[in-house]
Amino acid sequence: MGIYRNMFVKHHDSLAIAVRLADVSTIWLAGFLATELRFSPDFAVAAPIHQFIIYFSCVVALIVLPRFDLYTSWRGRSFLSLVARLVAAWSLVWLIGILMSFLMHQAGSLSRLWAAYWYAGTVVALLALRIVTYSLLSLARGVGRNAKHVLIVGFGITGQEMYRRATASRWSGFRVAGIYAGPEDATPESIPRIEDSDHIAGFARKHHVDEIWITLPIGASRQMQSIAYTLRNDFIDIKWMPSLMEFELLNHRMQDFMGMPAVELNRPPSLGVRGLVKGAFDRTFAAVVLTLLSPLLVAIALLIKRGSPGPAFFKQERLGLDGRVIHVYKFRSMKVHTEHETVTQARKGDSRVTPIGAFLRRTSLDELPQFINVLRGEMSVVGPRPHAMAHNDMYKEQLDLYMLRHRVKPGITGWAQINGYRGETDTLDKMAKRVEHDIFYIRNWSFGMDLKIIFWTTFRGWTGRNAY
């Protein structure tokens, strides 16, 4: 197997050049096919600017594509991230080509349909090329070829997780050659164990280790410096994976901050550009729902007014994004009453709940006015449910991660609700389970996850045995 590994290493630069040329050839071929599709059979009507833009963009691609880190090893990295970079890189090349036609005052001669064919065809072709290449490399690594031997230094939570990922994903091409661990850490019997850090360098040389993954705690900086120093003359890649999994926060993403590497520990994934997408979807969805359900909302309001004295709507103070106070709208489901220092959750058979209110609470129809909050940008369609202010003050002292729920906008429905944690939370354990699901949602948020929650809410998120 070492022969194959050395062969891939020896010809890595040649392979990278070959892939670059393949990308440029793909761009040219897609342009030719777009011309064939748009102008066939009379190619004479195709203005010369089309051919110029193709060749010009091929030259630009040789410069731009490498800037998107497309030709370095993607072993162990996300394929979806590679796809995103590839599409972004080609989009930039394409836009530069189109811009050139404007600068040459030839935009009027450029076929918009041809440009669309070329863009879409190139995206499909480049992705197909990457998928084939990625699949072939994964297949080779899966049978032991082109594998990298790694030594894991430290076997705490992070070290164990890296070992699990390396062994579970044979296609990534990593083989654990050894583990350095303290006397208190149990390691797999099938993997050689190193117990003295002075033996790490010798072991790495003897077993031809390609990479060393240091997963020691942050406090072991002196030991890490010593290990790196003893390997200063060896051609071994060293990766430091800070033991951040011990921090029970929202994120562990590395970023460049003022030219220095920084780790974000408490930033939700749903902020930034992705948050803008989520916000745009929320407001559009809320506008559609309020429009379509307006007759139902009017009917419910009339039934409430008829059933008991008082307003059809009422507002509750809740904590919104980053702890800002918002006023959440709901249909009134109880008789008008006053509560002072404590908030009493509705219980089964609660005399304060009106007959129509009981139905509204059981079916969550009392929460439909919260789409107004979503339209105002104060809430999301999907997110942790907002709790009473008194409950926030109480549970933040009893549950360590409770207040992290407020790093995102509260939602009308959420991961906890579709998993059965809806309604009354009369015990600390019930609230702990709800918070656990909320934190899981925040840490693992994606637009697809939101759509999944909305879909399942239709079937099991609007009713529940704990909703009174």
Protein backbone atom coordinates (compact mmCIF):
# COMPACT_ATOMS: atom_id res chain seq x y z
CA MET A 1 0.00 0.00 0.00
CA GLY A 2 2.95 2.33 0.63
CA ILE A 3 3.80 2.16 -3.10
CA TYR A 4 0.41 3.62 -4.03
CA ARG A 5 0.67 6.25 -1.31
CA ASN A 6 4.09 7.37 -2.49
CA MET A 7 2.88 7.43 -6.08
CA PHE A 8 0.05 9.84 -5.24
CA VAL A 9 2.38 12.05 -3.19
CA LYS A 10 5.05 12.08 -5.90
CA HIS A 11 2.60 13.10 -8.63
CA HIS A 12 0.42 15.44 -6.57
CA ASP A 13 1.57 18.59 -8.37
CA SER A 14 1.09 16.97 -11.78
CA LEU A 15 -2.41 15.87 -10.78
CA ALA A 16 -3.26 19.40 -9.61
CA ILE A 17 -2.12 20.86 -12.94
CA ALA A 18 -4.11 18.21 -14.80
CA VAL A 19 -7.25 19.14 -12.87
CA ARG A 20 -6.73 22.84 -13.65
CA LEU A 21 -6.40 22.10 -17.34
CA ALA A 22 -9.47 19.84 -17.15
CA ASP A 23 -11.47 22.69 -15.58
CA VAL A 24 -10.40 25.15 -18.30
CA SER A 25 -11.16 22.58 -21.00
CA THR A 26 -14.59 22.04 -19.44
CA ILE A 27 -15.32 25.77 -19.54
CA TRP A 28 -14.29 25.93 -23.22
CA LEU A 29 -16.29 22.82 -24.13
CA ALA A 30 -19.41 24.08 -22.31
CA GLY A 31 -19.10 27.36 -24.24
CA PHE A 32 -18.84 25.49 -27.53
CA LEU A 33 -21.89 23.36 -26.70
CA ALA A 34 -23.83 26.46 -25.64
CA THR A 35 -23.04 28.01 -29.03
CA GLU A 36 -24.14 24.81 -30.76
CA LEU A 37 -27.39 24.77 -28.79
CA ARG A 38 -28.18 28.46 -29.23
CA PHE A 39 -27.15 29.17 -32.82
CA SER A 40 -27.29 25.81 -34.67
CA PRO A 41 -27.58 25.38 -37.60
CA ASP A 42 -26.77 28.97 -38.66
CA PHE A 43 -23.54 29.78 -36.79
CA ALA A 44 -23.05 32.89 -38.91
CA VAL A 45 -25.53 34.77 -36.71
CA ALA A 46 -23.30 34.26 -33.67
CA ALA A 47 -21.35 37.47 -33.05
CA PRO A 48 -17.56 37.13 -32.60
CA ILE A 49 -17.93 38.39 -29.02
CA HIS A 50 -19.16 34.93 -27.97
CA GLN A 51 -15.94 33.19 -28.96
CA PHE A 52 -13.85 35.99 -27.48
CA ILE A 53 -15.62 35.73 -24.12
CA ILE A 54 -15.06 31.96 -24.01
CA TYR A 55 -11.29 32.22 -24.57
CA PHE A 56 -10.98 35.27 -22.32
CA SER A 57 -12.81 33.46 -19.50
CA CYS A 58 -10.56 30.41 -19.86
CA VAL A 59 -7.55 32.64 -19.15
CA VAL A 60 -9.35 34.30 -16.24
CA ALA A 61 -10.26 30.86 -14.83
CA LEU A 62 -6.57 29.91 -14.66
CA ILE A 63 -6.08 32.89 -12.34
CA VAL A 64 -9.33 32.93 -10.34
CA LEU A 65 -10.08 29.26 -9.65
CA PRO A 66 -6.88 28.57 -7.65
CA ARG A 67 -7.73 31.55 -5.40
CA PHE A 68 -10.76 29.61 -4.16
CA ASP A 69 -8.58 26.79 -2.78
CA LEU A 70 -9.90 24.31 -5.34
CA TYR A 71 -6.65 22.51 -6.08
CA THR A 72 -5.40 21.64 -2.62
CA SER A 73 -6.20 18.36 -0.94
CA TRP A 74 -9.83 18.08 0.20
CA ARG A 75 -9.17 14.95 2.18
CA GLY A 76 -11.33 15.00 5.29
CA ARG A 77 -13.05 18.26 4.30
CA SER A 78 -16.69 18.82 3.37
CA PHE A 79 -17.61 18.01 -0.23
CA LEU A 80 -20.50 20.48 -0.02
CA SER A 81 -17.99 23.20 0.86
CA LEU A 82 -16.00 22.26 -2.24
CA VAL A 83 -19.15 22.50 -4.36
CA ALA A 84 -19.98 25.95 -2.93
CA ARG A 85 -16.46 27.22 -3.64
CA LEU A 86 -16.53 25.80 -7.15
CA VAL A 87 -19.86 27.44 -8.02
CA ALA A 88 -18.73 30.75 -6.50
CA ALA A 89 -15.44 30.66 -8.43
CA TRP A 90 -17.10 29.91 -11.78
CA SER A 91 -19.78 32.55 -11.12
CA LEU A 92 -17.04 35.15 -10.65
CA VAL A 93 -15.26 34.06 -13.85
CA TRP A 94 -18.55 34.18 -15.77
CA LEU A 95 -19.41 37.64 -14.45
CA ILE A 96 -15.97 38.96 -15.39
CA GLY A 97 -16.49 37.61 -18.91
CA ILE A 98 -19.92 39.25 -19.20
CA LEU A 99 -18.51 42.51 -17.80
CA MET A 100 -15.83 42.45 -20.48
CA SER A 101 -18.54 42.45 -23.16
CA PHE A 102 -19.93 45.66 -21.62
CA LEU A 103 -16.49 47.28 -21.49
CA MET A 104 -16.02 46.41 -25.18
CA HIS A 105 -19.47 47.89 -25.99
CA GLN A 106 -20.53 44.49 -27.34
CA ALA A 107 -23.20 43.67 -24.76
CA GLY A 108 -25.92 44.30 -27.32
CA SER A 109 -24.47 41.57 -29.53
CA LEU A 110 -24.24 39.05 -26.72
CA SER A 111 -27.03 36.48 -26.57
CA ARG A 112 -28.54 36.33 -23.07
CA LEU A 113 -29.83 32.83 -23.74
CA TRP A 114 -26.35 31.71 -24.81
CA ALA A 115 -24.87 33.19 -21.62
CA ALA A 116 -27.43 31.28 -19.53
CA TYR A 117 -26.74 28.02 -21.39
CA TRP A 118 -23.00 28.49 -20.91
CA TYR A 119 -23.26 29.30 -17.22
CA ALA A 120 -25.58 26.40 -16.37
CA GLY A 121 -23.73 23.92 -18.59
CA THR A 122 -20.39 24.79 -17.04
CA VAL A 123 -21.75 24.44 -13.50
CA VAL A 124 -23.11 20.98 -14.30
CA ALA A 125 -19.93 19.89 -16.08
CA LEU A 126 -17.55 21.16 -13.38
CA LEU A 127 -19.62 19.50 -10.66
CA ALA A 128 -19.75 16.24 -12.62
CA LEU A 129 -15.95 16.35 -13.03
CA ARG A 130 -15.51 16.89 -9.28
CA ILE A 131 -17.98 14.15 -8.38
CA VAL A 132 -16.19 11.63 -10.60
CA THR A 133 -12.77 12.64 -9.25
CA TYR A 134 -14.01 12.64 -5.65
CA SER A 135 -15.64 9.23 -6.10
CA LEU A 136 -12.54 7.67 -7.62
CA LEU A 137 -10.31 9.00 -4.85
CA SER A 138 -12.78 7.85 -2.20
CA LEU A 139 -12.90 4.40 -3.78
CA ALA A 140 -9.12 4.19 -3.82
CA ARG A 141 -8.87 5.31 -0.21
CA GLY A 142 -11.60 2.91 0.83
CA VAL A 143 -9.47 -0.06 -0.27
CA GLY A 144 -6.37 1.31 1.42
CA ARG A 145 -4.70 3.18 -1.45
CA ASN A 146 -3.55 6.79 -1.11
CA ALA A 147 -3.98 6.52 2.66
CA LYS A 148 -2.36 8.87 5.16
CA HIS A 149 -1.07 7.46 8.43
CA VAL A 150 -1.88 9.67 11.41
CA LEU A 151 -0.82 9.77 15.03
CA ILE A 152 -3.37 11.15 17.51
CA VAL A 153 -1.75 12.98 20.43
CA GLY A 154 -4.23 13.19 23.27
CA PHE A 155 -7.26 10.96 23.74
CA GLY A 156 -9.78 13.11 25.57
CA ILE A 157 -13.18 13.99 24.15
CA THR A 158 -11.73 15.59 21.01
CA GLY A 159 -9.16 12.84 20.44
CA GLN A 160 -11.80 10.13 20.75
CA GLU A 161 -14.07 11.97 18.31
CA MET A 162 -11.26 12.35 15.76
CA TYR A 163 -10.48 8.63 16.07
CA ARG A 164 -14.16 7.80 15.56
CA ARG A 165 -14.39 9.96 12.45
CA ALA A 166 -11.16 8.63 10.94
CA THR A 167 -12.17 5.00 11.41
CA ALA A 168 -15.81 5.51 10.40
CA SER A 169 -14.92 7.26 7.14
CA ARG A 170 -12.47 5.00 5.35
CA TRP A 171 -13.10 6.95 2.16
CA SER A 172 -11.33 9.96 3.74
CA GLY A 173 -8.11 7.95 3.56
CA PHE A 174 -6.84 8.37 7.13
CA ARG A 175 -5.39 5.40 9.02
CA VAL A 176 -4.66 5.79 12.73
CA ALA A 177 -1.13 4.45 13.23
CA GLY A 178 -0.91 5.19 16.94
CA ILE A 179 -2.32 7.10 19.89
CA TYR A 180 -0.55 9.03 22.62
CA ALA A 181 -2.68 9.01 25.76
CA GLY A 182 -2.35 9.58 29.47
CA PRO A 183 -2.60 6.70 31.96
CA GLU A 184 -6.23 7.56 32.72
CA ASP A 185 -7.36 7.31 29.08
CA ALA A 186 -8.45 3.98 27.61
CA THR A 187 -7.44 3.43 23.98
CA PRO A 188 -8.47 0.79 21.40
CA GLU A 189 -6.44 -2.41 21.86
CA SER A 190 -5.84 -2.73 18.11
CA ILE A 191 -3.98 0.62 17.93
CA PRO A 192 -0.39 1.00 19.23
CA ARG A 193 -0.32 3.17 22.34
CA ILE A 194 2.35 5.70 23.34
CA GLU A 195 2.51 6.68 27.00
CA ASP A 196 5.69 8.81 27.00
CA SER A 197 5.61 12.02 24.94
CA ASP A 198 9.38 11.71 24.38
CA HIS A 199 8.68 8.65 22.20
CA ILE A 200 6.27 10.46 19.83
CA ALA A 201 8.93 11.63 17.35
CA GLY A 202 10.61 8.21 17.21
CA PHE A 203 7.28 6.44 16.70
CA ALA A 204 6.31 8.86 13.92
CA ARG A 205 9.56 8.21 12.05
CA LYS A 206 9.48 4.44 12.54
CA HIS A 207 5.88 4.06 11.32
CA HIS A 208 6.15 6.64 8.52
CA VAL A 209 3.45 8.87 9.99
CA ASP A 210 2.19 11.51 7.54
CA GLU A 211 0.20 13.67 9.96
CA ILE A 212 0.03 14.28 13.69
CA TRP A 213 -3.27 15.43 15.17
CA ILE A 214 -2.71 17.16 18.50
CA THR A 215 -5.91 17.14 20.57
CA LEU A 216 -4.41 17.99 23.95
CA PRO A 217 -6.21 20.39 26.31
CA ILE A 218 -5.44 24.09 25.87
CA GLY A 219 -3.53 24.04 29.14
CA ALA A 220 -0.93 21.63 27.68
CA SER A 221 0.69 24.34 25.53
CA ARG A 222 4.21 23.61 26.80
CA GLN A 223 3.88 19.95 25.89
CA MET A 224 2.60 20.88 22.41
CA GLN A 225 5.56 23.20 21.88
CA SER A 226 7.93 20.42 22.91
CA ILE A 227 6.35 17.92 20.49
CA ALA A 228 6.45 20.42 17.62
CA TYR A 229 10.11 21.21 18.37
CA THR A 230 11.21 17.56 18.32
CA LEU A 231 9.58 17.17 14.89
CA ARG A 232 10.98 20.39 13.42
CA ASN A 233 13.29 18.50 11.04
CA ASP A 234 10.69 15.96 9.91
CA PHE A 235 8.41 16.40 6.92
CA ILE A 236 5.25 15.64 8.88
CA ASP A 237 2.09 17.73 8.84
CA ILE A 238 0.97 18.75 12.32
CA LYS A 239 -2.64 19.75 12.98
CA TRP A 240 -3.77 21.17 16.29
CA MET A 241 -7.40 20.50 17.14
CA PRO A 242 -8.12 22.50 20.31
CA SER A 243 -10.16 20.50 22.77
CA LEU A 244 -13.14 22.82 22.30
CA MET A 245 -15.75 20.08 22.57
CA GLU A 246 -15.37 20.43 26.33
CA PHE A 247 -16.93 23.89 26.04
CA GLU A 248 -20.71 23.45 25.99
CA LEU A 249 -21.44 26.45 23.81
CA LEU A 250 -22.98 26.96 20.37
CA ASN A 251 -20.10 26.96 17.93
CA HIS A 252 -16.48 25.94 17.45
CA ARG A 253 -15.82 27.59 14.09
CA MET A 254 -12.38 28.95 13.24
CA GLN A 255 -12.14 32.29 11.44
CA ASP A 256 -9.62 34.91 10.46
CA PHE A 257 -10.05 37.93 12.74
CA MET A 258 -7.85 40.98 12.14
CA GLY A 259 -5.28 38.71 10.56
CA MET A 260 -5.23 36.32 13.51
CA PRO A 261 -6.89 32.89 13.88
CA ALA A 262 -9.87 33.04 16.22
CA VAL A 263 -12.37 30.44 17.38
CA GLU A 264 -16.02 31.41 17.68
CA LEU A 265 -17.54 29.68 20.70
CA ASN A 266 -20.92 31.32 21.06
CA ARG A 267 -22.09 32.41 17.59
CA PRO A 268 -25.15 30.55 16.24
CA PRO A 269 -24.87 29.14 12.70
CA SER A 270 -28.08 30.96 11.70
CA LEU A 271 -26.48 34.43 11.83
CA GLY A 272 -24.70 36.26 9.01
CA VAL A 273 -25.66 35.73 5.37
CA ARG A 274 -27.52 32.52 6.20
CA GLY A 275 -29.51 34.50 8.75
CA LEU A 276 -30.58 36.97 6.06
CA VAL A 277 -31.91 34.07 4.00
CA LYS A 278 -33.76 32.70 7.03
CA GLY A 279 -35.20 36.16 7.78
CA ALA A 280 -36.39 36.66 4.19
CA PHE A 281 -38.06 33.25 4.21
CA ASP A 282 -39.69 33.96 7.59
CA ARG A 283 -41.30 37.21 6.48
CA THR A 284 -42.44 35.82 3.15
CA PHE A 285 -43.93 32.74 4.83
CA ALA A 286 -45.65 34.88 7.49
CA ALA A 287 -47.15 37.20 4.88
CA VAL A 288 -48.55 34.25 2.92
CA VAL A 289 -49.98 32.57 6.05
CA LEU A 290 -51.63 35.76 7.34
CA THR A 291 -53.17 36.42 3.92
CA LEU A 292 -54.49 32.89 3.41
CA LEU A 293 -55.75 32.47 6.98
CA SER A 294 -57.24 35.95 7.42
CA PRO A 295 -60.87 34.62 7.30
CA LEU A 296 -60.01 32.04 10.00
CA LEU A 297 -58.31 34.70 12.15
CA VAL A 298 -61.39 36.93 11.97
CA ALA A 299 -63.69 34.00 12.84
CA ILE A 300 -61.57 33.03 15.87
CA ALA A 301 -61.52 36.64 17.09
CA LEU A 302 -65.32 36.83 16.91
CA LEU A 303 -65.73 33.53 18.79
CA ILE A 304 -63.42 34.74 21.56
CA LYS A 305 -65.29 38.02 21.92
CA ARG A 306 -68.58 36.15 22.04
CA GLY A 307 -67.35 33.55 24.54
CA SER A 308 -66.15 35.87 27.32
CA PRO A 309 -65.67 39.60 28.01
CA GLY A 310 -62.33 41.09 27.04
CA PRO A 311 -60.10 41.64 24.00
CA ALA A 312 -59.59 38.99 21.30
CA PHE A 313 -55.82 39.46 21.41
CA PHE A 314 -53.34 40.02 24.18
CA LYS A 315 -49.60 40.67 24.36
CA GLN A 316 -47.01 38.95 26.53
CA GLU A 317 -43.51 40.18 27.32
CA ARG A 318 -40.92 37.71 26.14
CA LEU A 319 -37.19 37.71 25.42
CA GLY A 320 -36.26 37.92 21.75
CA LEU A 321 -32.91 37.81 19.95
CA ASP A 322 -29.99 38.35 22.34
CA GLY A 323 -32.34 38.93 25.27
CA ARG A 324 -34.17 41.97 23.88
CA VAL A 325 -37.71 42.32 25.24
CA ILE A 326 -40.47 41.85 22.65
CA HIS A 327 -44.25 41.69 22.91
CA VAL A 328 -45.66 38.43 21.56
CA TYR A 329 -49.21 38.39 20.18
CA LYS A 330 -51.66 35.58 21.00
CA PHE A 331 -55.37 34.94 20.86
CA ARG A 332 -56.82 35.23 24.36
CA SER A 333 -57.65 31.75 25.65
CA MET A 334 -58.35 32.60 29.32
CA LYS A 335 -60.78 34.75 31.20
CA VAL A 336 -59.39 38.20 31.88
CA HIS A 337 -57.40 38.02 35.14
CA THR A 338 -54.30 39.51 36.74
CA GLU A 339 -51.13 37.74 37.84
CA HIS A 340 -48.54 39.57 39.86
CA GLU A 341 -45.09 38.24 40.73
CA THR A 342 -45.53 34.63 39.63
CA VAL A 343 -46.72 33.09 36.38
CA THR A 344 -48.93 30.01 36.70
CA GLN A 345 -48.91 27.78 33.64
CA ALA A 346 -52.23 26.45 32.43
CA ARG A 347 -52.96 23.00 33.81
CA LYS A 348 -55.44 20.28 32.91
CA GLY A 349 -58.92 21.42 33.90
CA ASP A 350 -57.72 24.99 34.59
CA SER A 351 -60.82 27.07 35.44
CA ARG A 352 -59.28 30.18 33.89
CA VAL A 353 -59.34 28.66 30.38
CA THR A 354 -62.48 29.42 28.37
CA PRO A 355 -64.19 26.66 26.30
CA ILE A 356 -63.05 28.17 23.00
CA GLY A 357 -59.66 28.88 24.62
CA ALA A 358 -59.21 25.20 25.50
CA PHE A 359 -59.70 24.26 21.86
CA LEU A 360 -57.36 27.01 20.68
CA ARG A 361 -54.62 25.96 23.12
CA ARG A 362 -54.99 22.27 22.33
CA THR A 363 -54.63 22.93 18.59
CA SER A 364 -52.11 25.83 18.96
CA LEU A 365 -54.46 28.11 17.01
CA ASP A 366 -54.01 30.66 19.81
CA GLU A 367 -50.45 31.17 18.53
CA LEU A 368 -51.38 32.14 14.95
CA PRO A 369 -51.15 35.91 15.69
CA GLN A 370 -47.44 35.37 16.30
CA PHE A 371 -47.02 35.44 12.53
CA ILE A 372 -47.44 39.20 13.03
CA ASN A 373 -44.30 39.08 15.18
CA VAL A 374 -42.55 37.13 12.44
CA LEU A 375 -43.59 39.74 9.87
CA ARG A 376 -42.19 42.45 12.17
CA GLY A 377 -38.86 40.61 12.35
CA GLU A 378 -39.15 39.88 16.08
CA MET A 379 -39.66 36.12 15.74
CA SER A 380 -38.94 33.30 13.31
CA VAL A 381 -41.27 30.64 11.99
CA VAL A 382 -38.91 28.04 13.50
CA GLY A 383 -36.95 28.54 16.70
CA PRO A 384 -37.06 27.96 20.46
CA ARG A 385 -40.47 28.77 21.91
CA PRO A 386 -40.47 31.99 23.99
CA HIS A 387 -41.02 31.41 27.71
CA ALA A 388 -42.52 33.64 30.39
CA MET A 389 -40.10 36.20 31.85
CA ALA A 390 -40.48 34.68 35.32
CA HIS A 391 -39.53 31.26 33.95
CA ASN A 392 -36.40 32.71 32.34
CA ASP A 393 -35.29 34.11 35.68
CA MET A 394 -35.98 30.80 37.41
CA TYR A 395 -34.54 28.30 34.94
CA LYS A 396 -31.39 30.22 33.99
CA GLU A 397 -30.07 29.44 37.49
CA GLN A 398 -31.07 25.78 37.32
CA LEU A 399 -30.11 24.83 33.74
CA ASP A 400 -26.61 25.78 32.57
CA LEU A 401 -27.39 26.33 28.88
CA TYR A 402 -30.86 27.78 29.31
CA MET A 403 -30.11 31.37 28.24
CA LEU A 404 -28.32 30.25 25.07
CA ARG A 405 -31.82 29.77 23.64
CA HIS A 406 -31.95 33.54 23.27
CA ARG A 407 -28.98 33.78 20.89
CA VAL A 408 -31.57 33.30 18.10
CA LYS A 409 -35.06 34.64 17.49
CA PRO A 410 -37.83 32.69 19.22
CA GLY A 411 -40.08 30.66 16.94
CA ILE A 412 -43.70 29.69 16.50
CA THR A 413 -42.67 26.05 16.31
CA GLY A 414 -39.41 24.27 16.95
CA TRP A 415 -37.40 21.07 17.20
CA ALA A 416 -38.62 20.48 20.77
CA GLN A 417 -42.27 20.86 19.77
CA ILE A 418 -42.23 18.27 16.97
CA ASN A 419 -40.44 15.87 19.31
CA GLY A 420 -43.22 16.01 21.89
CA TYR A 421 -41.90 18.67 24.30
CA ARG A 422 -44.77 21.08 24.01
CA GLY A 423 -47.12 22.60 26.54
CA GLU A 424 -46.77 22.45 30.31
CA THR A 425 -43.28 22.03 31.80
CA ASP A 426 -44.18 21.35 35.41
CA THR A 427 -40.90 19.60 36.27
CA LEU A 428 -37.25 20.55 35.87
CA ASP A 429 -36.67 17.41 33.81
CA LYS A 430 -39.31 18.41 31.23
CA MET A 431 -37.78 21.86 30.86
CA ALA A 432 -34.28 20.34 30.62
CA LYS A 433 -35.44 18.11 27.75
CA ARG A 434 -36.99 21.07 25.95
CA VAL A 435 -33.83 23.15 26.37
CA GLU A 436 -31.71 20.20 25.19
CA HIS A 437 -33.72 20.04 21.97
CA ASP A 438 -33.57 23.81 21.52
CA ILE A 439 -29.77 23.87 21.85
CA PHE A 440 -29.49 20.94 19.43
CA TYR A 441 -31.53 22.94 16.91
CA ILE A 442 -29.39 26.07 17.30
CA ARG A 443 -26.11 24.17 16.95
CA ASN A 444 -27.25 22.15 13.95
CA TRP A 445 -29.43 24.70 12.20
CA SER A 446 -29.86 24.58 8.44
CA PHE A 447 -32.52 25.86 6.07
CA GLY A 448 -33.43 22.25 5.29
CA MET A 449 -33.91 21.57 9.01
CA ASP A 450 -36.38 24.49 9.18
CA LEU A 451 -38.39 23.06 6.28
CA LYS A 452 -38.40 19.65 7.95
CA ILE A 453 -39.72 21.13 11.20
CA ILE A 454 -42.43 23.09 9.38
CA PHE A 455 -43.47 19.93 7.54
CA TRP A 456 -43.68 17.80 10.69
CA THR A 457 -45.44 20.57 12.62
CA THR A 458 -48.36 20.05 10.25
CA PHE A 459 -48.75 16.49 11.57
CA ARG A 460 -47.54 16.49 15.15
CA GLY A 461 -46.46 19.95 16.27
CA TRP A 462 -49.83 21.67 16.70
CA THR A 463 -51.33 19.32 19.24
CA GLY A 464 -49.96 17.56 22.28
CA ARG A 465 -51.02 15.80 25.43
CA ASN A 466 -49.33 18.48 27.56
CA ALA A 467 -51.15 21.41 25.94
CA TYR A 468 -54.04 22.55 28.13
